[in-house]
């Protein structure tokens, strides 16, 4: 599942990866938009792609395609070789809209009738945050930044997690939507000089509190996962180590649980967002497949968890299973099993294998 919006989900059928000069080669990729409620195919399109990522709003899906490098030396690739094409499609009928080539990165967000992404500024090694009009692709501004490890909208404000002001610590920067410059910064973390990023961010009411999940998972054996909360003034309120991506379910934080310096989550943990105290922990809901998707969410007041083939609805206050459903889908490869909750429907998708095609199955009531 690449992206969802307007009651639809976009799927990609990608051939076996092939690389030229160390980069993904362009091959025919079929995009399919499916109605979440009925399972009907709304449209199909074929594009040339390799390494694909996508984001969406309720009007369009924006697909980012990595283009092949022009260098013949994998170890001497120039910054200008890292080119990407961003293509927009209308959810209603699949009509292709604007196309834009830039030195983009995986940081991308569709929000407030704009598409935001990180880029290398003018083919240099300097980073920039770019805003384009979501309907036309016209560039609105390009603002130089050291880096952007995550973009998050909250209460009408766009936040970038970056180290734009201090190389020894990362900040959560409020972005001026007219210019792209930093309007305000909160120091959110100071432990690593680089290579940390935010995987979740949310402002919580009464009293106002910011909760963020911080990850450093680039080197096996040194991975760190932490949830940090800031009070209304931006001061640290509490921290919890070995907890990752989260969802708010029943006014509680339902988070991925990790073993110290472990690469994959091994269960879930529930926290009181006011204090960070652990309310319960389930380590039997383990995921040894290395998927990075957060398989948690809220469905009719219950926290949804994935254990092997089974979906479970958990009471957010106790962690006890209220219901269990066997998806009857097998997990055949790393990151081939995904779960999304869209419009009150739980979608489970599996990637293709040598013996069967990809599958999409919906659960709900």
Protein backbone atom coordinates (compact mmCIF):
# COMPACT_ATOMS: atom_id res chain seq x y z
CA UNK A 1 0.00 0.00 0.00
CA UNK A 2 1.68 3.18 -1.16
CA UNK A 3 -0.78 5.81 0.04
CA UNK A 4 -4.43 6.43 0.88
CA UNK A 5 -6.89 9.30 0.50
CA UNK A 6 -10.44 10.11 -0.62
CA UNK A 7 -11.61 6.66 0.49
CA UNK A 8 -9.12 4.94 -1.79
CA UNK A 9 -5.82 3.14 -1.44
CA UNK A 10 -3.01 3.04 -4.02
CA UNK A 11 -1.14 -0.20 -4.66
CA UNK A 12 1.99 -0.69 -6.75
CA UNK A 13 2.96 -3.81 -8.67
CA UNK A 14 6.73 -3.57 -9.10
CA UNK A 15 8.89 -6.01 -11.12
CA UNK A 16 11.87 -7.71 -9.54
CA UNK A 17 14.30 -4.89 -8.69
CA UNK A 18 17.09 -4.30 -11.18
CA UNK A 19 19.97 -1.91 -10.60
CA UNK A 20 22.22 0.01 -12.98
CA UNK A 21 25.39 1.61 -11.62
CA UNK A 22 24.17 1.07 -8.06
CA UNK A 23 20.77 2.71 -8.55
CA UNK A 24 17.33 1.33 -9.30
CA UNK A 25 16.64 0.93 -13.00
CA UNK A 26 13.39 2.27 -14.48
CA UNK A 27 10.87 -0.48 -15.23
CA UNK A 28 7.13 -0.59 -15.93
CA UNK A 29 5.23 -0.23 -12.64
CA UNK A 30 1.46 -0.65 -12.43
CA UNK A 31 -0.41 1.63 -10.03
CA UNK A 32 -3.89 0.54 -8.96
CA UNK A 33 -6.41 2.63 -7.02
CA UNK A 34 -8.99 0.61 -5.06
CA UNK A 35 -12.18 1.75 -3.35
CA UNK A 36 -11.68 0.97 0.34
CA UNK A 37 -15.36 0.21 1.06
CA UNK A 38 -16.11 -2.02 -1.94
CA UNK A 39 -12.75 -3.34 -3.13
CA UNK A 40 -13.54 -2.20 -6.67
CA UNK A 41 -10.69 -1.05 -8.89
CA UNK A 42 -11.19 2.65 -9.64
CA UNK A 43 -8.31 3.03 -12.11
CA UNK A 44 -5.01 1.54 -13.23
CA UNK A 45 -1.97 3.33 -14.60
CA UNK A 46 1.45 2.17 -15.78
CA UNK A 47 4.49 4.38 -15.21
CA UNK A 48 8.25 3.90 -15.43
CA UNK A 49 9.66 3.56 -11.94
CA UNK A 50 12.24 1.94 -9.76
CA UNK A 51 12.44 2.86 -6.10
CA UNK A 52 8.99 4.33 -5.33
CA UNK A 53 7.60 6.28 -2.39
CA UNK A 54 4.29 8.14 -2.23
CA UNK A 55 2.15 10.47 -0.13
CA UNK A 56 -1.43 11.60 -0.69
CA UNK A 57 -4.17 14.01 0.27
CA UNK A 58 -7.88 13.70 -0.55
CA UNK A 59 -7.38 15.06 -4.07
CA UNK A 60 -4.21 13.39 -5.39
CA UNK A 61 -1.53 10.82 -4.84
CA UNK A 62 2.06 12.00 -5.37
CA UNK A 63 4.54 9.32 -6.43
CA UNK A 64 8.28 9.91 -6.08
CA UNK A 65 10.47 7.92 -8.53
CA UNK A 66 14.24 7.63 -8.23
CA UNK A 67 15.88 8.15 -11.63
CA UNK A 68 19.04 6.29 -12.72
CA UNK A 69 22.35 8.04 -12.10
CA UNK A 70 24.37 9.37 -15.00
CA UNK A 71 27.70 8.37 -13.46
CA UNK A 72 29.47 5.16 -14.48
CA UNK A 73 31.36 5.06 -11.19
CA UNK A 74 29.17 4.03 -8.25
CA UNK A 75 31.76 5.32 -5.78
CA UNK A 76 32.08 8.76 -7.39
CA UNK A 77 28.43 9.71 -7.82
CA UNK A 78 27.90 13.47 -7.90
CA UNK A 79 25.08 15.22 -6.01
CA UNK A 80 23.44 16.16 -9.31
CA UNK A 81 23.17 12.45 -10.16
CA UNK A 82 20.57 11.94 -7.45
CA UNK A 83 17.52 13.02 -9.42
CA UNK A 84 13.93 12.12 -8.69
CA UNK A 85 10.69 12.67 -10.52
CA UNK A 86 7.50 13.46 -8.63
CA UNK A 87 4.29 12.62 -10.51
CA UNK A 88 0.75 13.48 -9.40
CA UNK A 89 -2.42 11.46 -10.12
CA UNK A 90 -6.02 12.43 -9.38
CA UNK A 91 -7.79 10.03 -7.03
CA UNK A 92 -11.08 10.41 -8.91
CA UNK A 93 -10.00 8.95 -12.27
CA UNK A 94 -6.21 8.47 -12.25
CA UNK A 95 -5.52 11.35 -14.61
CA UNK A 96 -1.83 12.21 -14.52
CA UNK A 97 -1.23 15.81 -13.54
CA UNK A 98 2.06 17.64 -13.21
CA UNK A 99 5.53 16.09 -13.23
CA UNK A 100 8.55 17.64 -11.56
CA UNK A 101 12.21 16.57 -11.55
CA UNK A 102 14.32 17.53 -8.56
CA UNK A 103 16.99 16.19 -6.21
CA UNK A 104 14.36 15.06 -3.74
CA UNK A 105 14.69 12.80 -0.72
CA UNK A 106 12.33 10.46 1.11
CA UNK A 107 11.08 13.30 3.37
CA UNK A 108 7.78 14.31 1.74
CA UNK A 109 4.42 15.60 3.02
CA UNK A 110 1.12 16.50 1.31
CA UNK A 111 -0.74 19.01 3.47
CA UNK A 112 -2.85 22.16 3.23
CA UNK A 113 -3.01 22.11 -0.62
CA UNK A 114 0.77 21.91 -0.87
CA UNK A 115 3.43 19.27 -1.32
CA UNK A 116 6.55 19.69 0.83
CA UNK A 117 9.78 17.78 0.33
CA UNK A 118 13.47 17.97 1.12
CA UNK A 119 15.94 18.52 -1.73
CA UNK A 120 19.58 19.22 -2.44
CA UNK A 121 19.71 22.93 -3.18
CA UNK A 122 20.77 23.64 -6.76
CA UNK A 123 22.71 20.39 -7.22
CA UNK A 124 24.91 21.12 -4.19
CA UNK A 125 25.37 19.17 -0.98
CA UNK A 126 23.26 21.72 0.93
CA UNK A 127 19.73 20.73 1.85
CA UNK A 128 16.61 22.74 1.18
CA UNK A 129 12.95 22.45 2.10
CA UNK A 130 10.72 22.96 -0.95
CA UNK A 131 7.02 23.81 -1.16
CA UNK A 132 5.03 23.39 -4.38
CA UNK A 133 1.39 23.99 -5.22
CA UNK A 134 -0.33 20.60 -4.99
CA UNK A 135 -2.61 21.30 -7.95
CA UNK A 136 -0.05 22.66 -10.42
CA UNK A 137 3.40 21.63 -9.13
CA UNK A 138 4.54 25.26 -9.26
CA UNK A 139 7.36 25.92 -6.80
CA UNK A 140 6.31 28.40 -4.11
CA UNK A 141 9.57 28.65 -2.18
CA UNK A 142 12.83 26.85 -1.48
CA UNK A 143 14.42 27.43 1.92
CA UNK A 144 17.95 26.28 2.79
CA UNK A 145 18.22 23.93 5.80
CA UNK A 146 20.88 21.64 7.19
CA UNK A 147 18.47 18.70 7.05
CA UNK A 148 14.87 17.71 7.66
CA UNK A 149 14.37 14.31 9.29
CA UNK A 150 10.60 14.56 9.40
CA UNK A 151 7.71 16.93 8.51
CA UNK A 152 4.62 17.06 10.72
CA UNK A 153 1.49 19.28 10.65
CA UNK A 154 -0.22 20.17 13.94
CA UNK A 155 -2.77 22.87 14.83
CA UNK A 156 -2.29 24.64 11.51
CA UNK A 157 1.50 24.76 11.87
CA UNK A 158 4.10 22.85 9.87
CA UNK A 159 6.98 21.48 11.95
CA UNK A 160 10.31 20.18 10.66
CA UNK A 161 12.57 18.00 12.78
CA UNK A 162 16.06 19.21 11.89
CA UNK A 163 19.47 20.37 13.07
CA UNK A 164 19.29 23.69 11.22
CA UNK A 165 20.55 25.78 14.14
CA UNK A 166 22.87 23.55 16.13
CA UNK A 167 24.93 20.62 14.79
CA UNK A 168 25.09 19.14 18.31
CA UNK A 169 21.37 18.93 18.87
CA UNK A 170 18.12 18.59 16.97
CA UNK A 171 15.20 20.98 17.03
CA UNK A 172 11.54 20.93 16.19
CA UNK A 173 11.20 24.02 13.99
CA UNK A 174 7.91 25.76 13.19
CA UNK A 175 8.02 26.73 9.51
CA UNK A 176 6.80 30.08 8.20
CA UNK A 177 4.39 28.90 5.48
CA UNK A 178 4.93 32.06 3.40
CA UNK A 179 8.72 31.83 3.17
CA UNK A 180 9.84 28.43 4.47
CA UNK A 181 12.10 30.03 7.06
CA UNK A 182 12.14 28.95 10.70
CA UNK A 183 9.63 30.91 12.79
CA UNK A 184 10.28 29.19 16.13
CA UNK A 185 12.40 26.31 17.41
CA UNK A 186 12.08 23.94 20.33
CA UNK A 187 15.06 21.85 21.35
CA UNK A 188 13.68 18.34 21.42
CA UNK A 189 16.74 16.16 21.63
CA UNK A 190 20.46 16.43 22.35
CA UNK A 191 22.26 13.13 22.40
CA UNK A 192 23.50 12.31 18.90
CA UNK A 193 25.20 14.64 16.46
CA UNK A 194 23.24 13.20 13.55
CA UNK A 195 21.20 10.27 12.23
CA UNK A 196 18.14 10.62 14.44
CA UNK A 197 14.63 11.19 13.15
CA UNK A 198 11.04 11.49 14.30
CA UNK A 199 8.60 8.74 13.40
CA UNK A 200 5.56 10.20 15.20
CA UNK A 201 4.53 13.58 16.57
CA UNK A 202 1.35 14.81 18.20
CA UNK A 203 0.15 17.73 20.33
CA UNK A 204 -2.07 16.51 23.15
CA UNK A 205 -4.67 18.67 24.96
CA UNK A 206 -5.08 19.63 28.64
CA UNK A 207 -2.48 20.70 29.52
CA UNK A 208 -0.91 21.15 26.10
CA UNK A 209 1.83 18.56 25.65
CA UNK A 210 3.99 17.54 22.72
CA UNK A 211 4.83 13.85 22.38
CA UNK A 212 7.37 12.60 19.84
CA UNK A 213 8.98 9.27 19.01
CA UNK A 214 12.71 9.59 18.28
CA UNK A 215 14.70 6.90 16.52
CA UNK A 216 18.31 6.18 15.69
CA UNK A 217 18.33 2.90 13.81
CA UNK A 218 21.06 3.15 11.22
CA UNK A 219 23.62 0.78 12.75
CA UNK A 220 22.58 -2.65 14.12
CA UNK A 221 23.49 -2.98 17.78
CA UNK A 222 23.40 0.76 18.44
CA UNK A 223 19.73 1.42 17.73
CA UNK A 224 17.95 3.72 20.15
CA UNK A 225 14.19 4.32 20.40
CA UNK A 226 12.76 6.90 22.75
CA UNK A 227 9.55 8.80 23.38
CA UNK A 228 9.96 12.35 24.68
CA UNK A 229 7.24 14.66 25.96
CA UNK A 230 7.50 18.44 26.22
CA UNK A 231 5.20 20.68 28.25
CA UNK A 232 3.38 23.75 26.93
CA UNK A 233 6.52 25.87 27.37
CA UNK A 234 8.67 23.43 25.41
CA UNK A 235 10.49 22.05 28.45
CA UNK A 236 11.13 18.28 28.84
CA UNK A 237 8.29 16.64 30.77
CA UNK A 238 9.26 12.95 30.65
CA UNK A 239 11.21 10.41 28.61
CA UNK A 240 10.85 6.69 28.03
CA UNK A 241 13.56 4.61 26.41
CA UNK A 242 12.94 1.57 24.18
CA UNK A 243 9.56 2.79 22.95
CA UNK A 244 8.88 3.80 19.37
CA UNK A 245 6.06 4.81 17.03
CA UNK A 246 2.72 5.39 18.72
CA UNK A 247 -0.97 6.03 18.24
CA UNK A 248 -3.34 7.79 20.65
CA UNK A 249 -6.09 5.32 21.55
CA UNK A 250 -8.59 6.08 24.31
CA UNK A 251 -6.47 9.04 25.53
CA UNK A 252 -3.49 6.71 26.03
CA UNK A 253 -0.29 6.29 24.03
CA UNK A 254 -0.08 2.82 22.47
CA UNK A 255 3.57 2.44 21.38
CA UNK A 256 5.88 -0.06 19.78
CA UNK A 257 8.09 -1.70 22.42
CA UNK A 258 11.78 -2.52 21.84
CA UNK A 259 14.51 -4.43 23.59
CA UNK A 260 17.60 -2.29 24.28
CA UNK A 261 19.57 -1.71 21.06
CA UNK A 262 17.33 -4.15 19.22
CA UNK A 263 16.47 -3.61 15.57
CA UNK A 264 12.84 -4.73 15.46
CA UNK A 265 9.86 -4.12 17.80
CA UNK A 266 8.96 -6.95 20.16
CA UNK A 267 5.49 -5.97 21.33
CA UNK A 268 3.58 -2.90 22.44
CA UNK A 269 3.46 -0.76 25.57
CA UNK A 270 0.74 1.61 26.84
CA UNK A 271 1.68 4.92 28.47
CA UNK A 272 -0.09 7.64 30.42
CA UNK A 273 0.63 10.72 28.24
CA UNK A 274 0.63 13.03 31.28
CA UNK A 275 3.41 11.20 33.15
CA UNK A 276 4.95 8.65 30.78
CA UNK A 277 4.19 5.86 33.28
CA UNK A 278 3.83 2.37 31.80
CA UNK A 279 0.30 1.06 32.24
CA UNK A 280 0.80 -2.34 30.63
CA UNK A 281 3.18 -4.10 28.26
CA UNK A 282 2.60 -6.97 25.80
CA UNK A 283 5.81 -8.64 24.61
CA UNK A 284 3.97 -11.60 23.10
CA UNK A 285 2.91 -9.45 20.13
CA UNK A 286 6.30 -9.79 18.47
CA UNK A 287 7.29 -8.87 14.94
CA UNK A 288 10.42 -10.64 13.72
CA UNK A 289 9.96 -9.67 10.09
CA UNK A 290 11.69 -6.31 10.28
CA UNK A 291 8.77 -4.26 9.03
CA UNK A 292 8.94 -0.56 9.87
CA UNK A 293 5.23 0.18 9.43
CA UNK A 294 3.30 0.95 12.56
CA UNK A 295 0.68 -1.80 12.69
CA UNK A 296 -1.18 -0.05 15.49
CA UNK A 297 -4.24 2.14 15.26
CA UNK A 298 -7.69 2.77 16.73
CA UNK A 299 -10.76 0.88 15.59
CA UNK A 300 -14.04 1.44 17.47
CA UNK A 301 -12.12 2.44 20.61
CA UNK A 302 -9.77 -0.56 20.55
CA UNK A 303 -6.07 -0.70 19.77
CA UNK A 304 -5.35 -2.89 16.74
CA UNK A 305 -2.26 -5.09 16.88
CA UNK A 306 -0.81 -7.66 14.50
CA UNK A 307 0.56 -11.00 15.64
CA UNK A 308 1.64 -13.28 12.81
CA UNK A 309 -1.47 -13.78 10.68
CA UNK A 310 -3.85 -12.61 13.39
CA UNK A 311 -5.36 -9.18 13.94
CA UNK A 312 -6.28 -8.39 17.53
CA UNK A 313 -8.39 -5.66 19.07
CA UNK A 314 -7.01 -4.74 22.51
CA UNK A 315 -8.64 -2.86 25.36
CA UNK A 316 -6.38 0.23 25.57
CA UNK A 317 -6.71 0.35 29.38
CA UNK A 318 -5.68 -3.24 30.08
CA UNK A 319 -4.05 -4.64 26.94
CA UNK A 320 -6.37 -7.66 26.97
CA UNK A 321 -7.66 -8.95 23.63
CA UNK A 322 -11.31 -8.13 22.94
CA UNK A 323 -11.36 -9.97 19.61
CA UNK A 324 -9.02 -11.94 17.34
CA UNK A 325 -9.35 -12.46 13.58
CA UNK A 326 -7.24 -14.79 11.46
CA UNK A 327 -6.42 -12.93 8.25
CA UNK A 328 -5.64 -16.24 6.50
CA UNK A 329 -2.77 -14.47 4.75
CA UNK A 330 0.79 -15.74 4.99
CA UNK A 331 3.87 -13.61 5.52
CA UNK A 332 6.43 -14.61 2.94
CA UNK A 333 9.10 -11.92 2.99
CA UNK A 334 10.49 -8.98 4.91
CA UNK A 335 8.14 -5.97 4.76
CA UNK A 336 5.58 -7.87 2.69
CA UNK A 337 2.78 -7.54 5.25
CA UNK A 338 1.09 -4.18 5.89
CA UNK A 339 -1.89 -3.02 7.92
CA UNK A 340 -3.82 0.25 7.54
CA UNK A 341 -7.00 1.51 9.19
CA UNK A 342 -8.89 3.72 6.73
CA UNK A 343 -12.39 5.03 7.27
CA UNK A 344 -13.30 2.41 9.89
CA UNK A 345 -12.02 -0.47 7.73
CA UNK A 346 -8.91 -2.50 8.51
CA UNK A 347 -6.90 -3.30 5.38
CA UNK A 348 -4.26 -6.03 5.29
CA UNK A 349 -1.96 -6.34 2.27
CA UNK A 350 0.71 -8.89 1.37
CA UNK A 351 3.37 -8.67 -1.29
CA UNK A 352 3.63 -11.12 -4.16
CA UNK A 353 5.64 -14.32 -3.99
CA UNK A 354 6.74 -16.89 -6.57
CA UNK A 355 3.56 -18.90 -6.01
CA UNK A 356 0.83 -16.27 -5.67
CA UNK A 357 0.07 -12.63 -6.49
CA UNK A 358 -0.20 -9.80 -3.96
CA UNK A 359 -3.38 -9.81 -1.88
CA UNK A 360 -5.51 -7.15 -0.22
CA UNK A 361 -8.15 -8.06 2.33
CA UNK A 362 -10.55 -5.80 4.27
CA UNK A 363 -12.05 -6.33 7.73
CA UNK A 364 -14.73 -4.29 9.48
CA UNK A 365 -18.37 -4.10 10.34
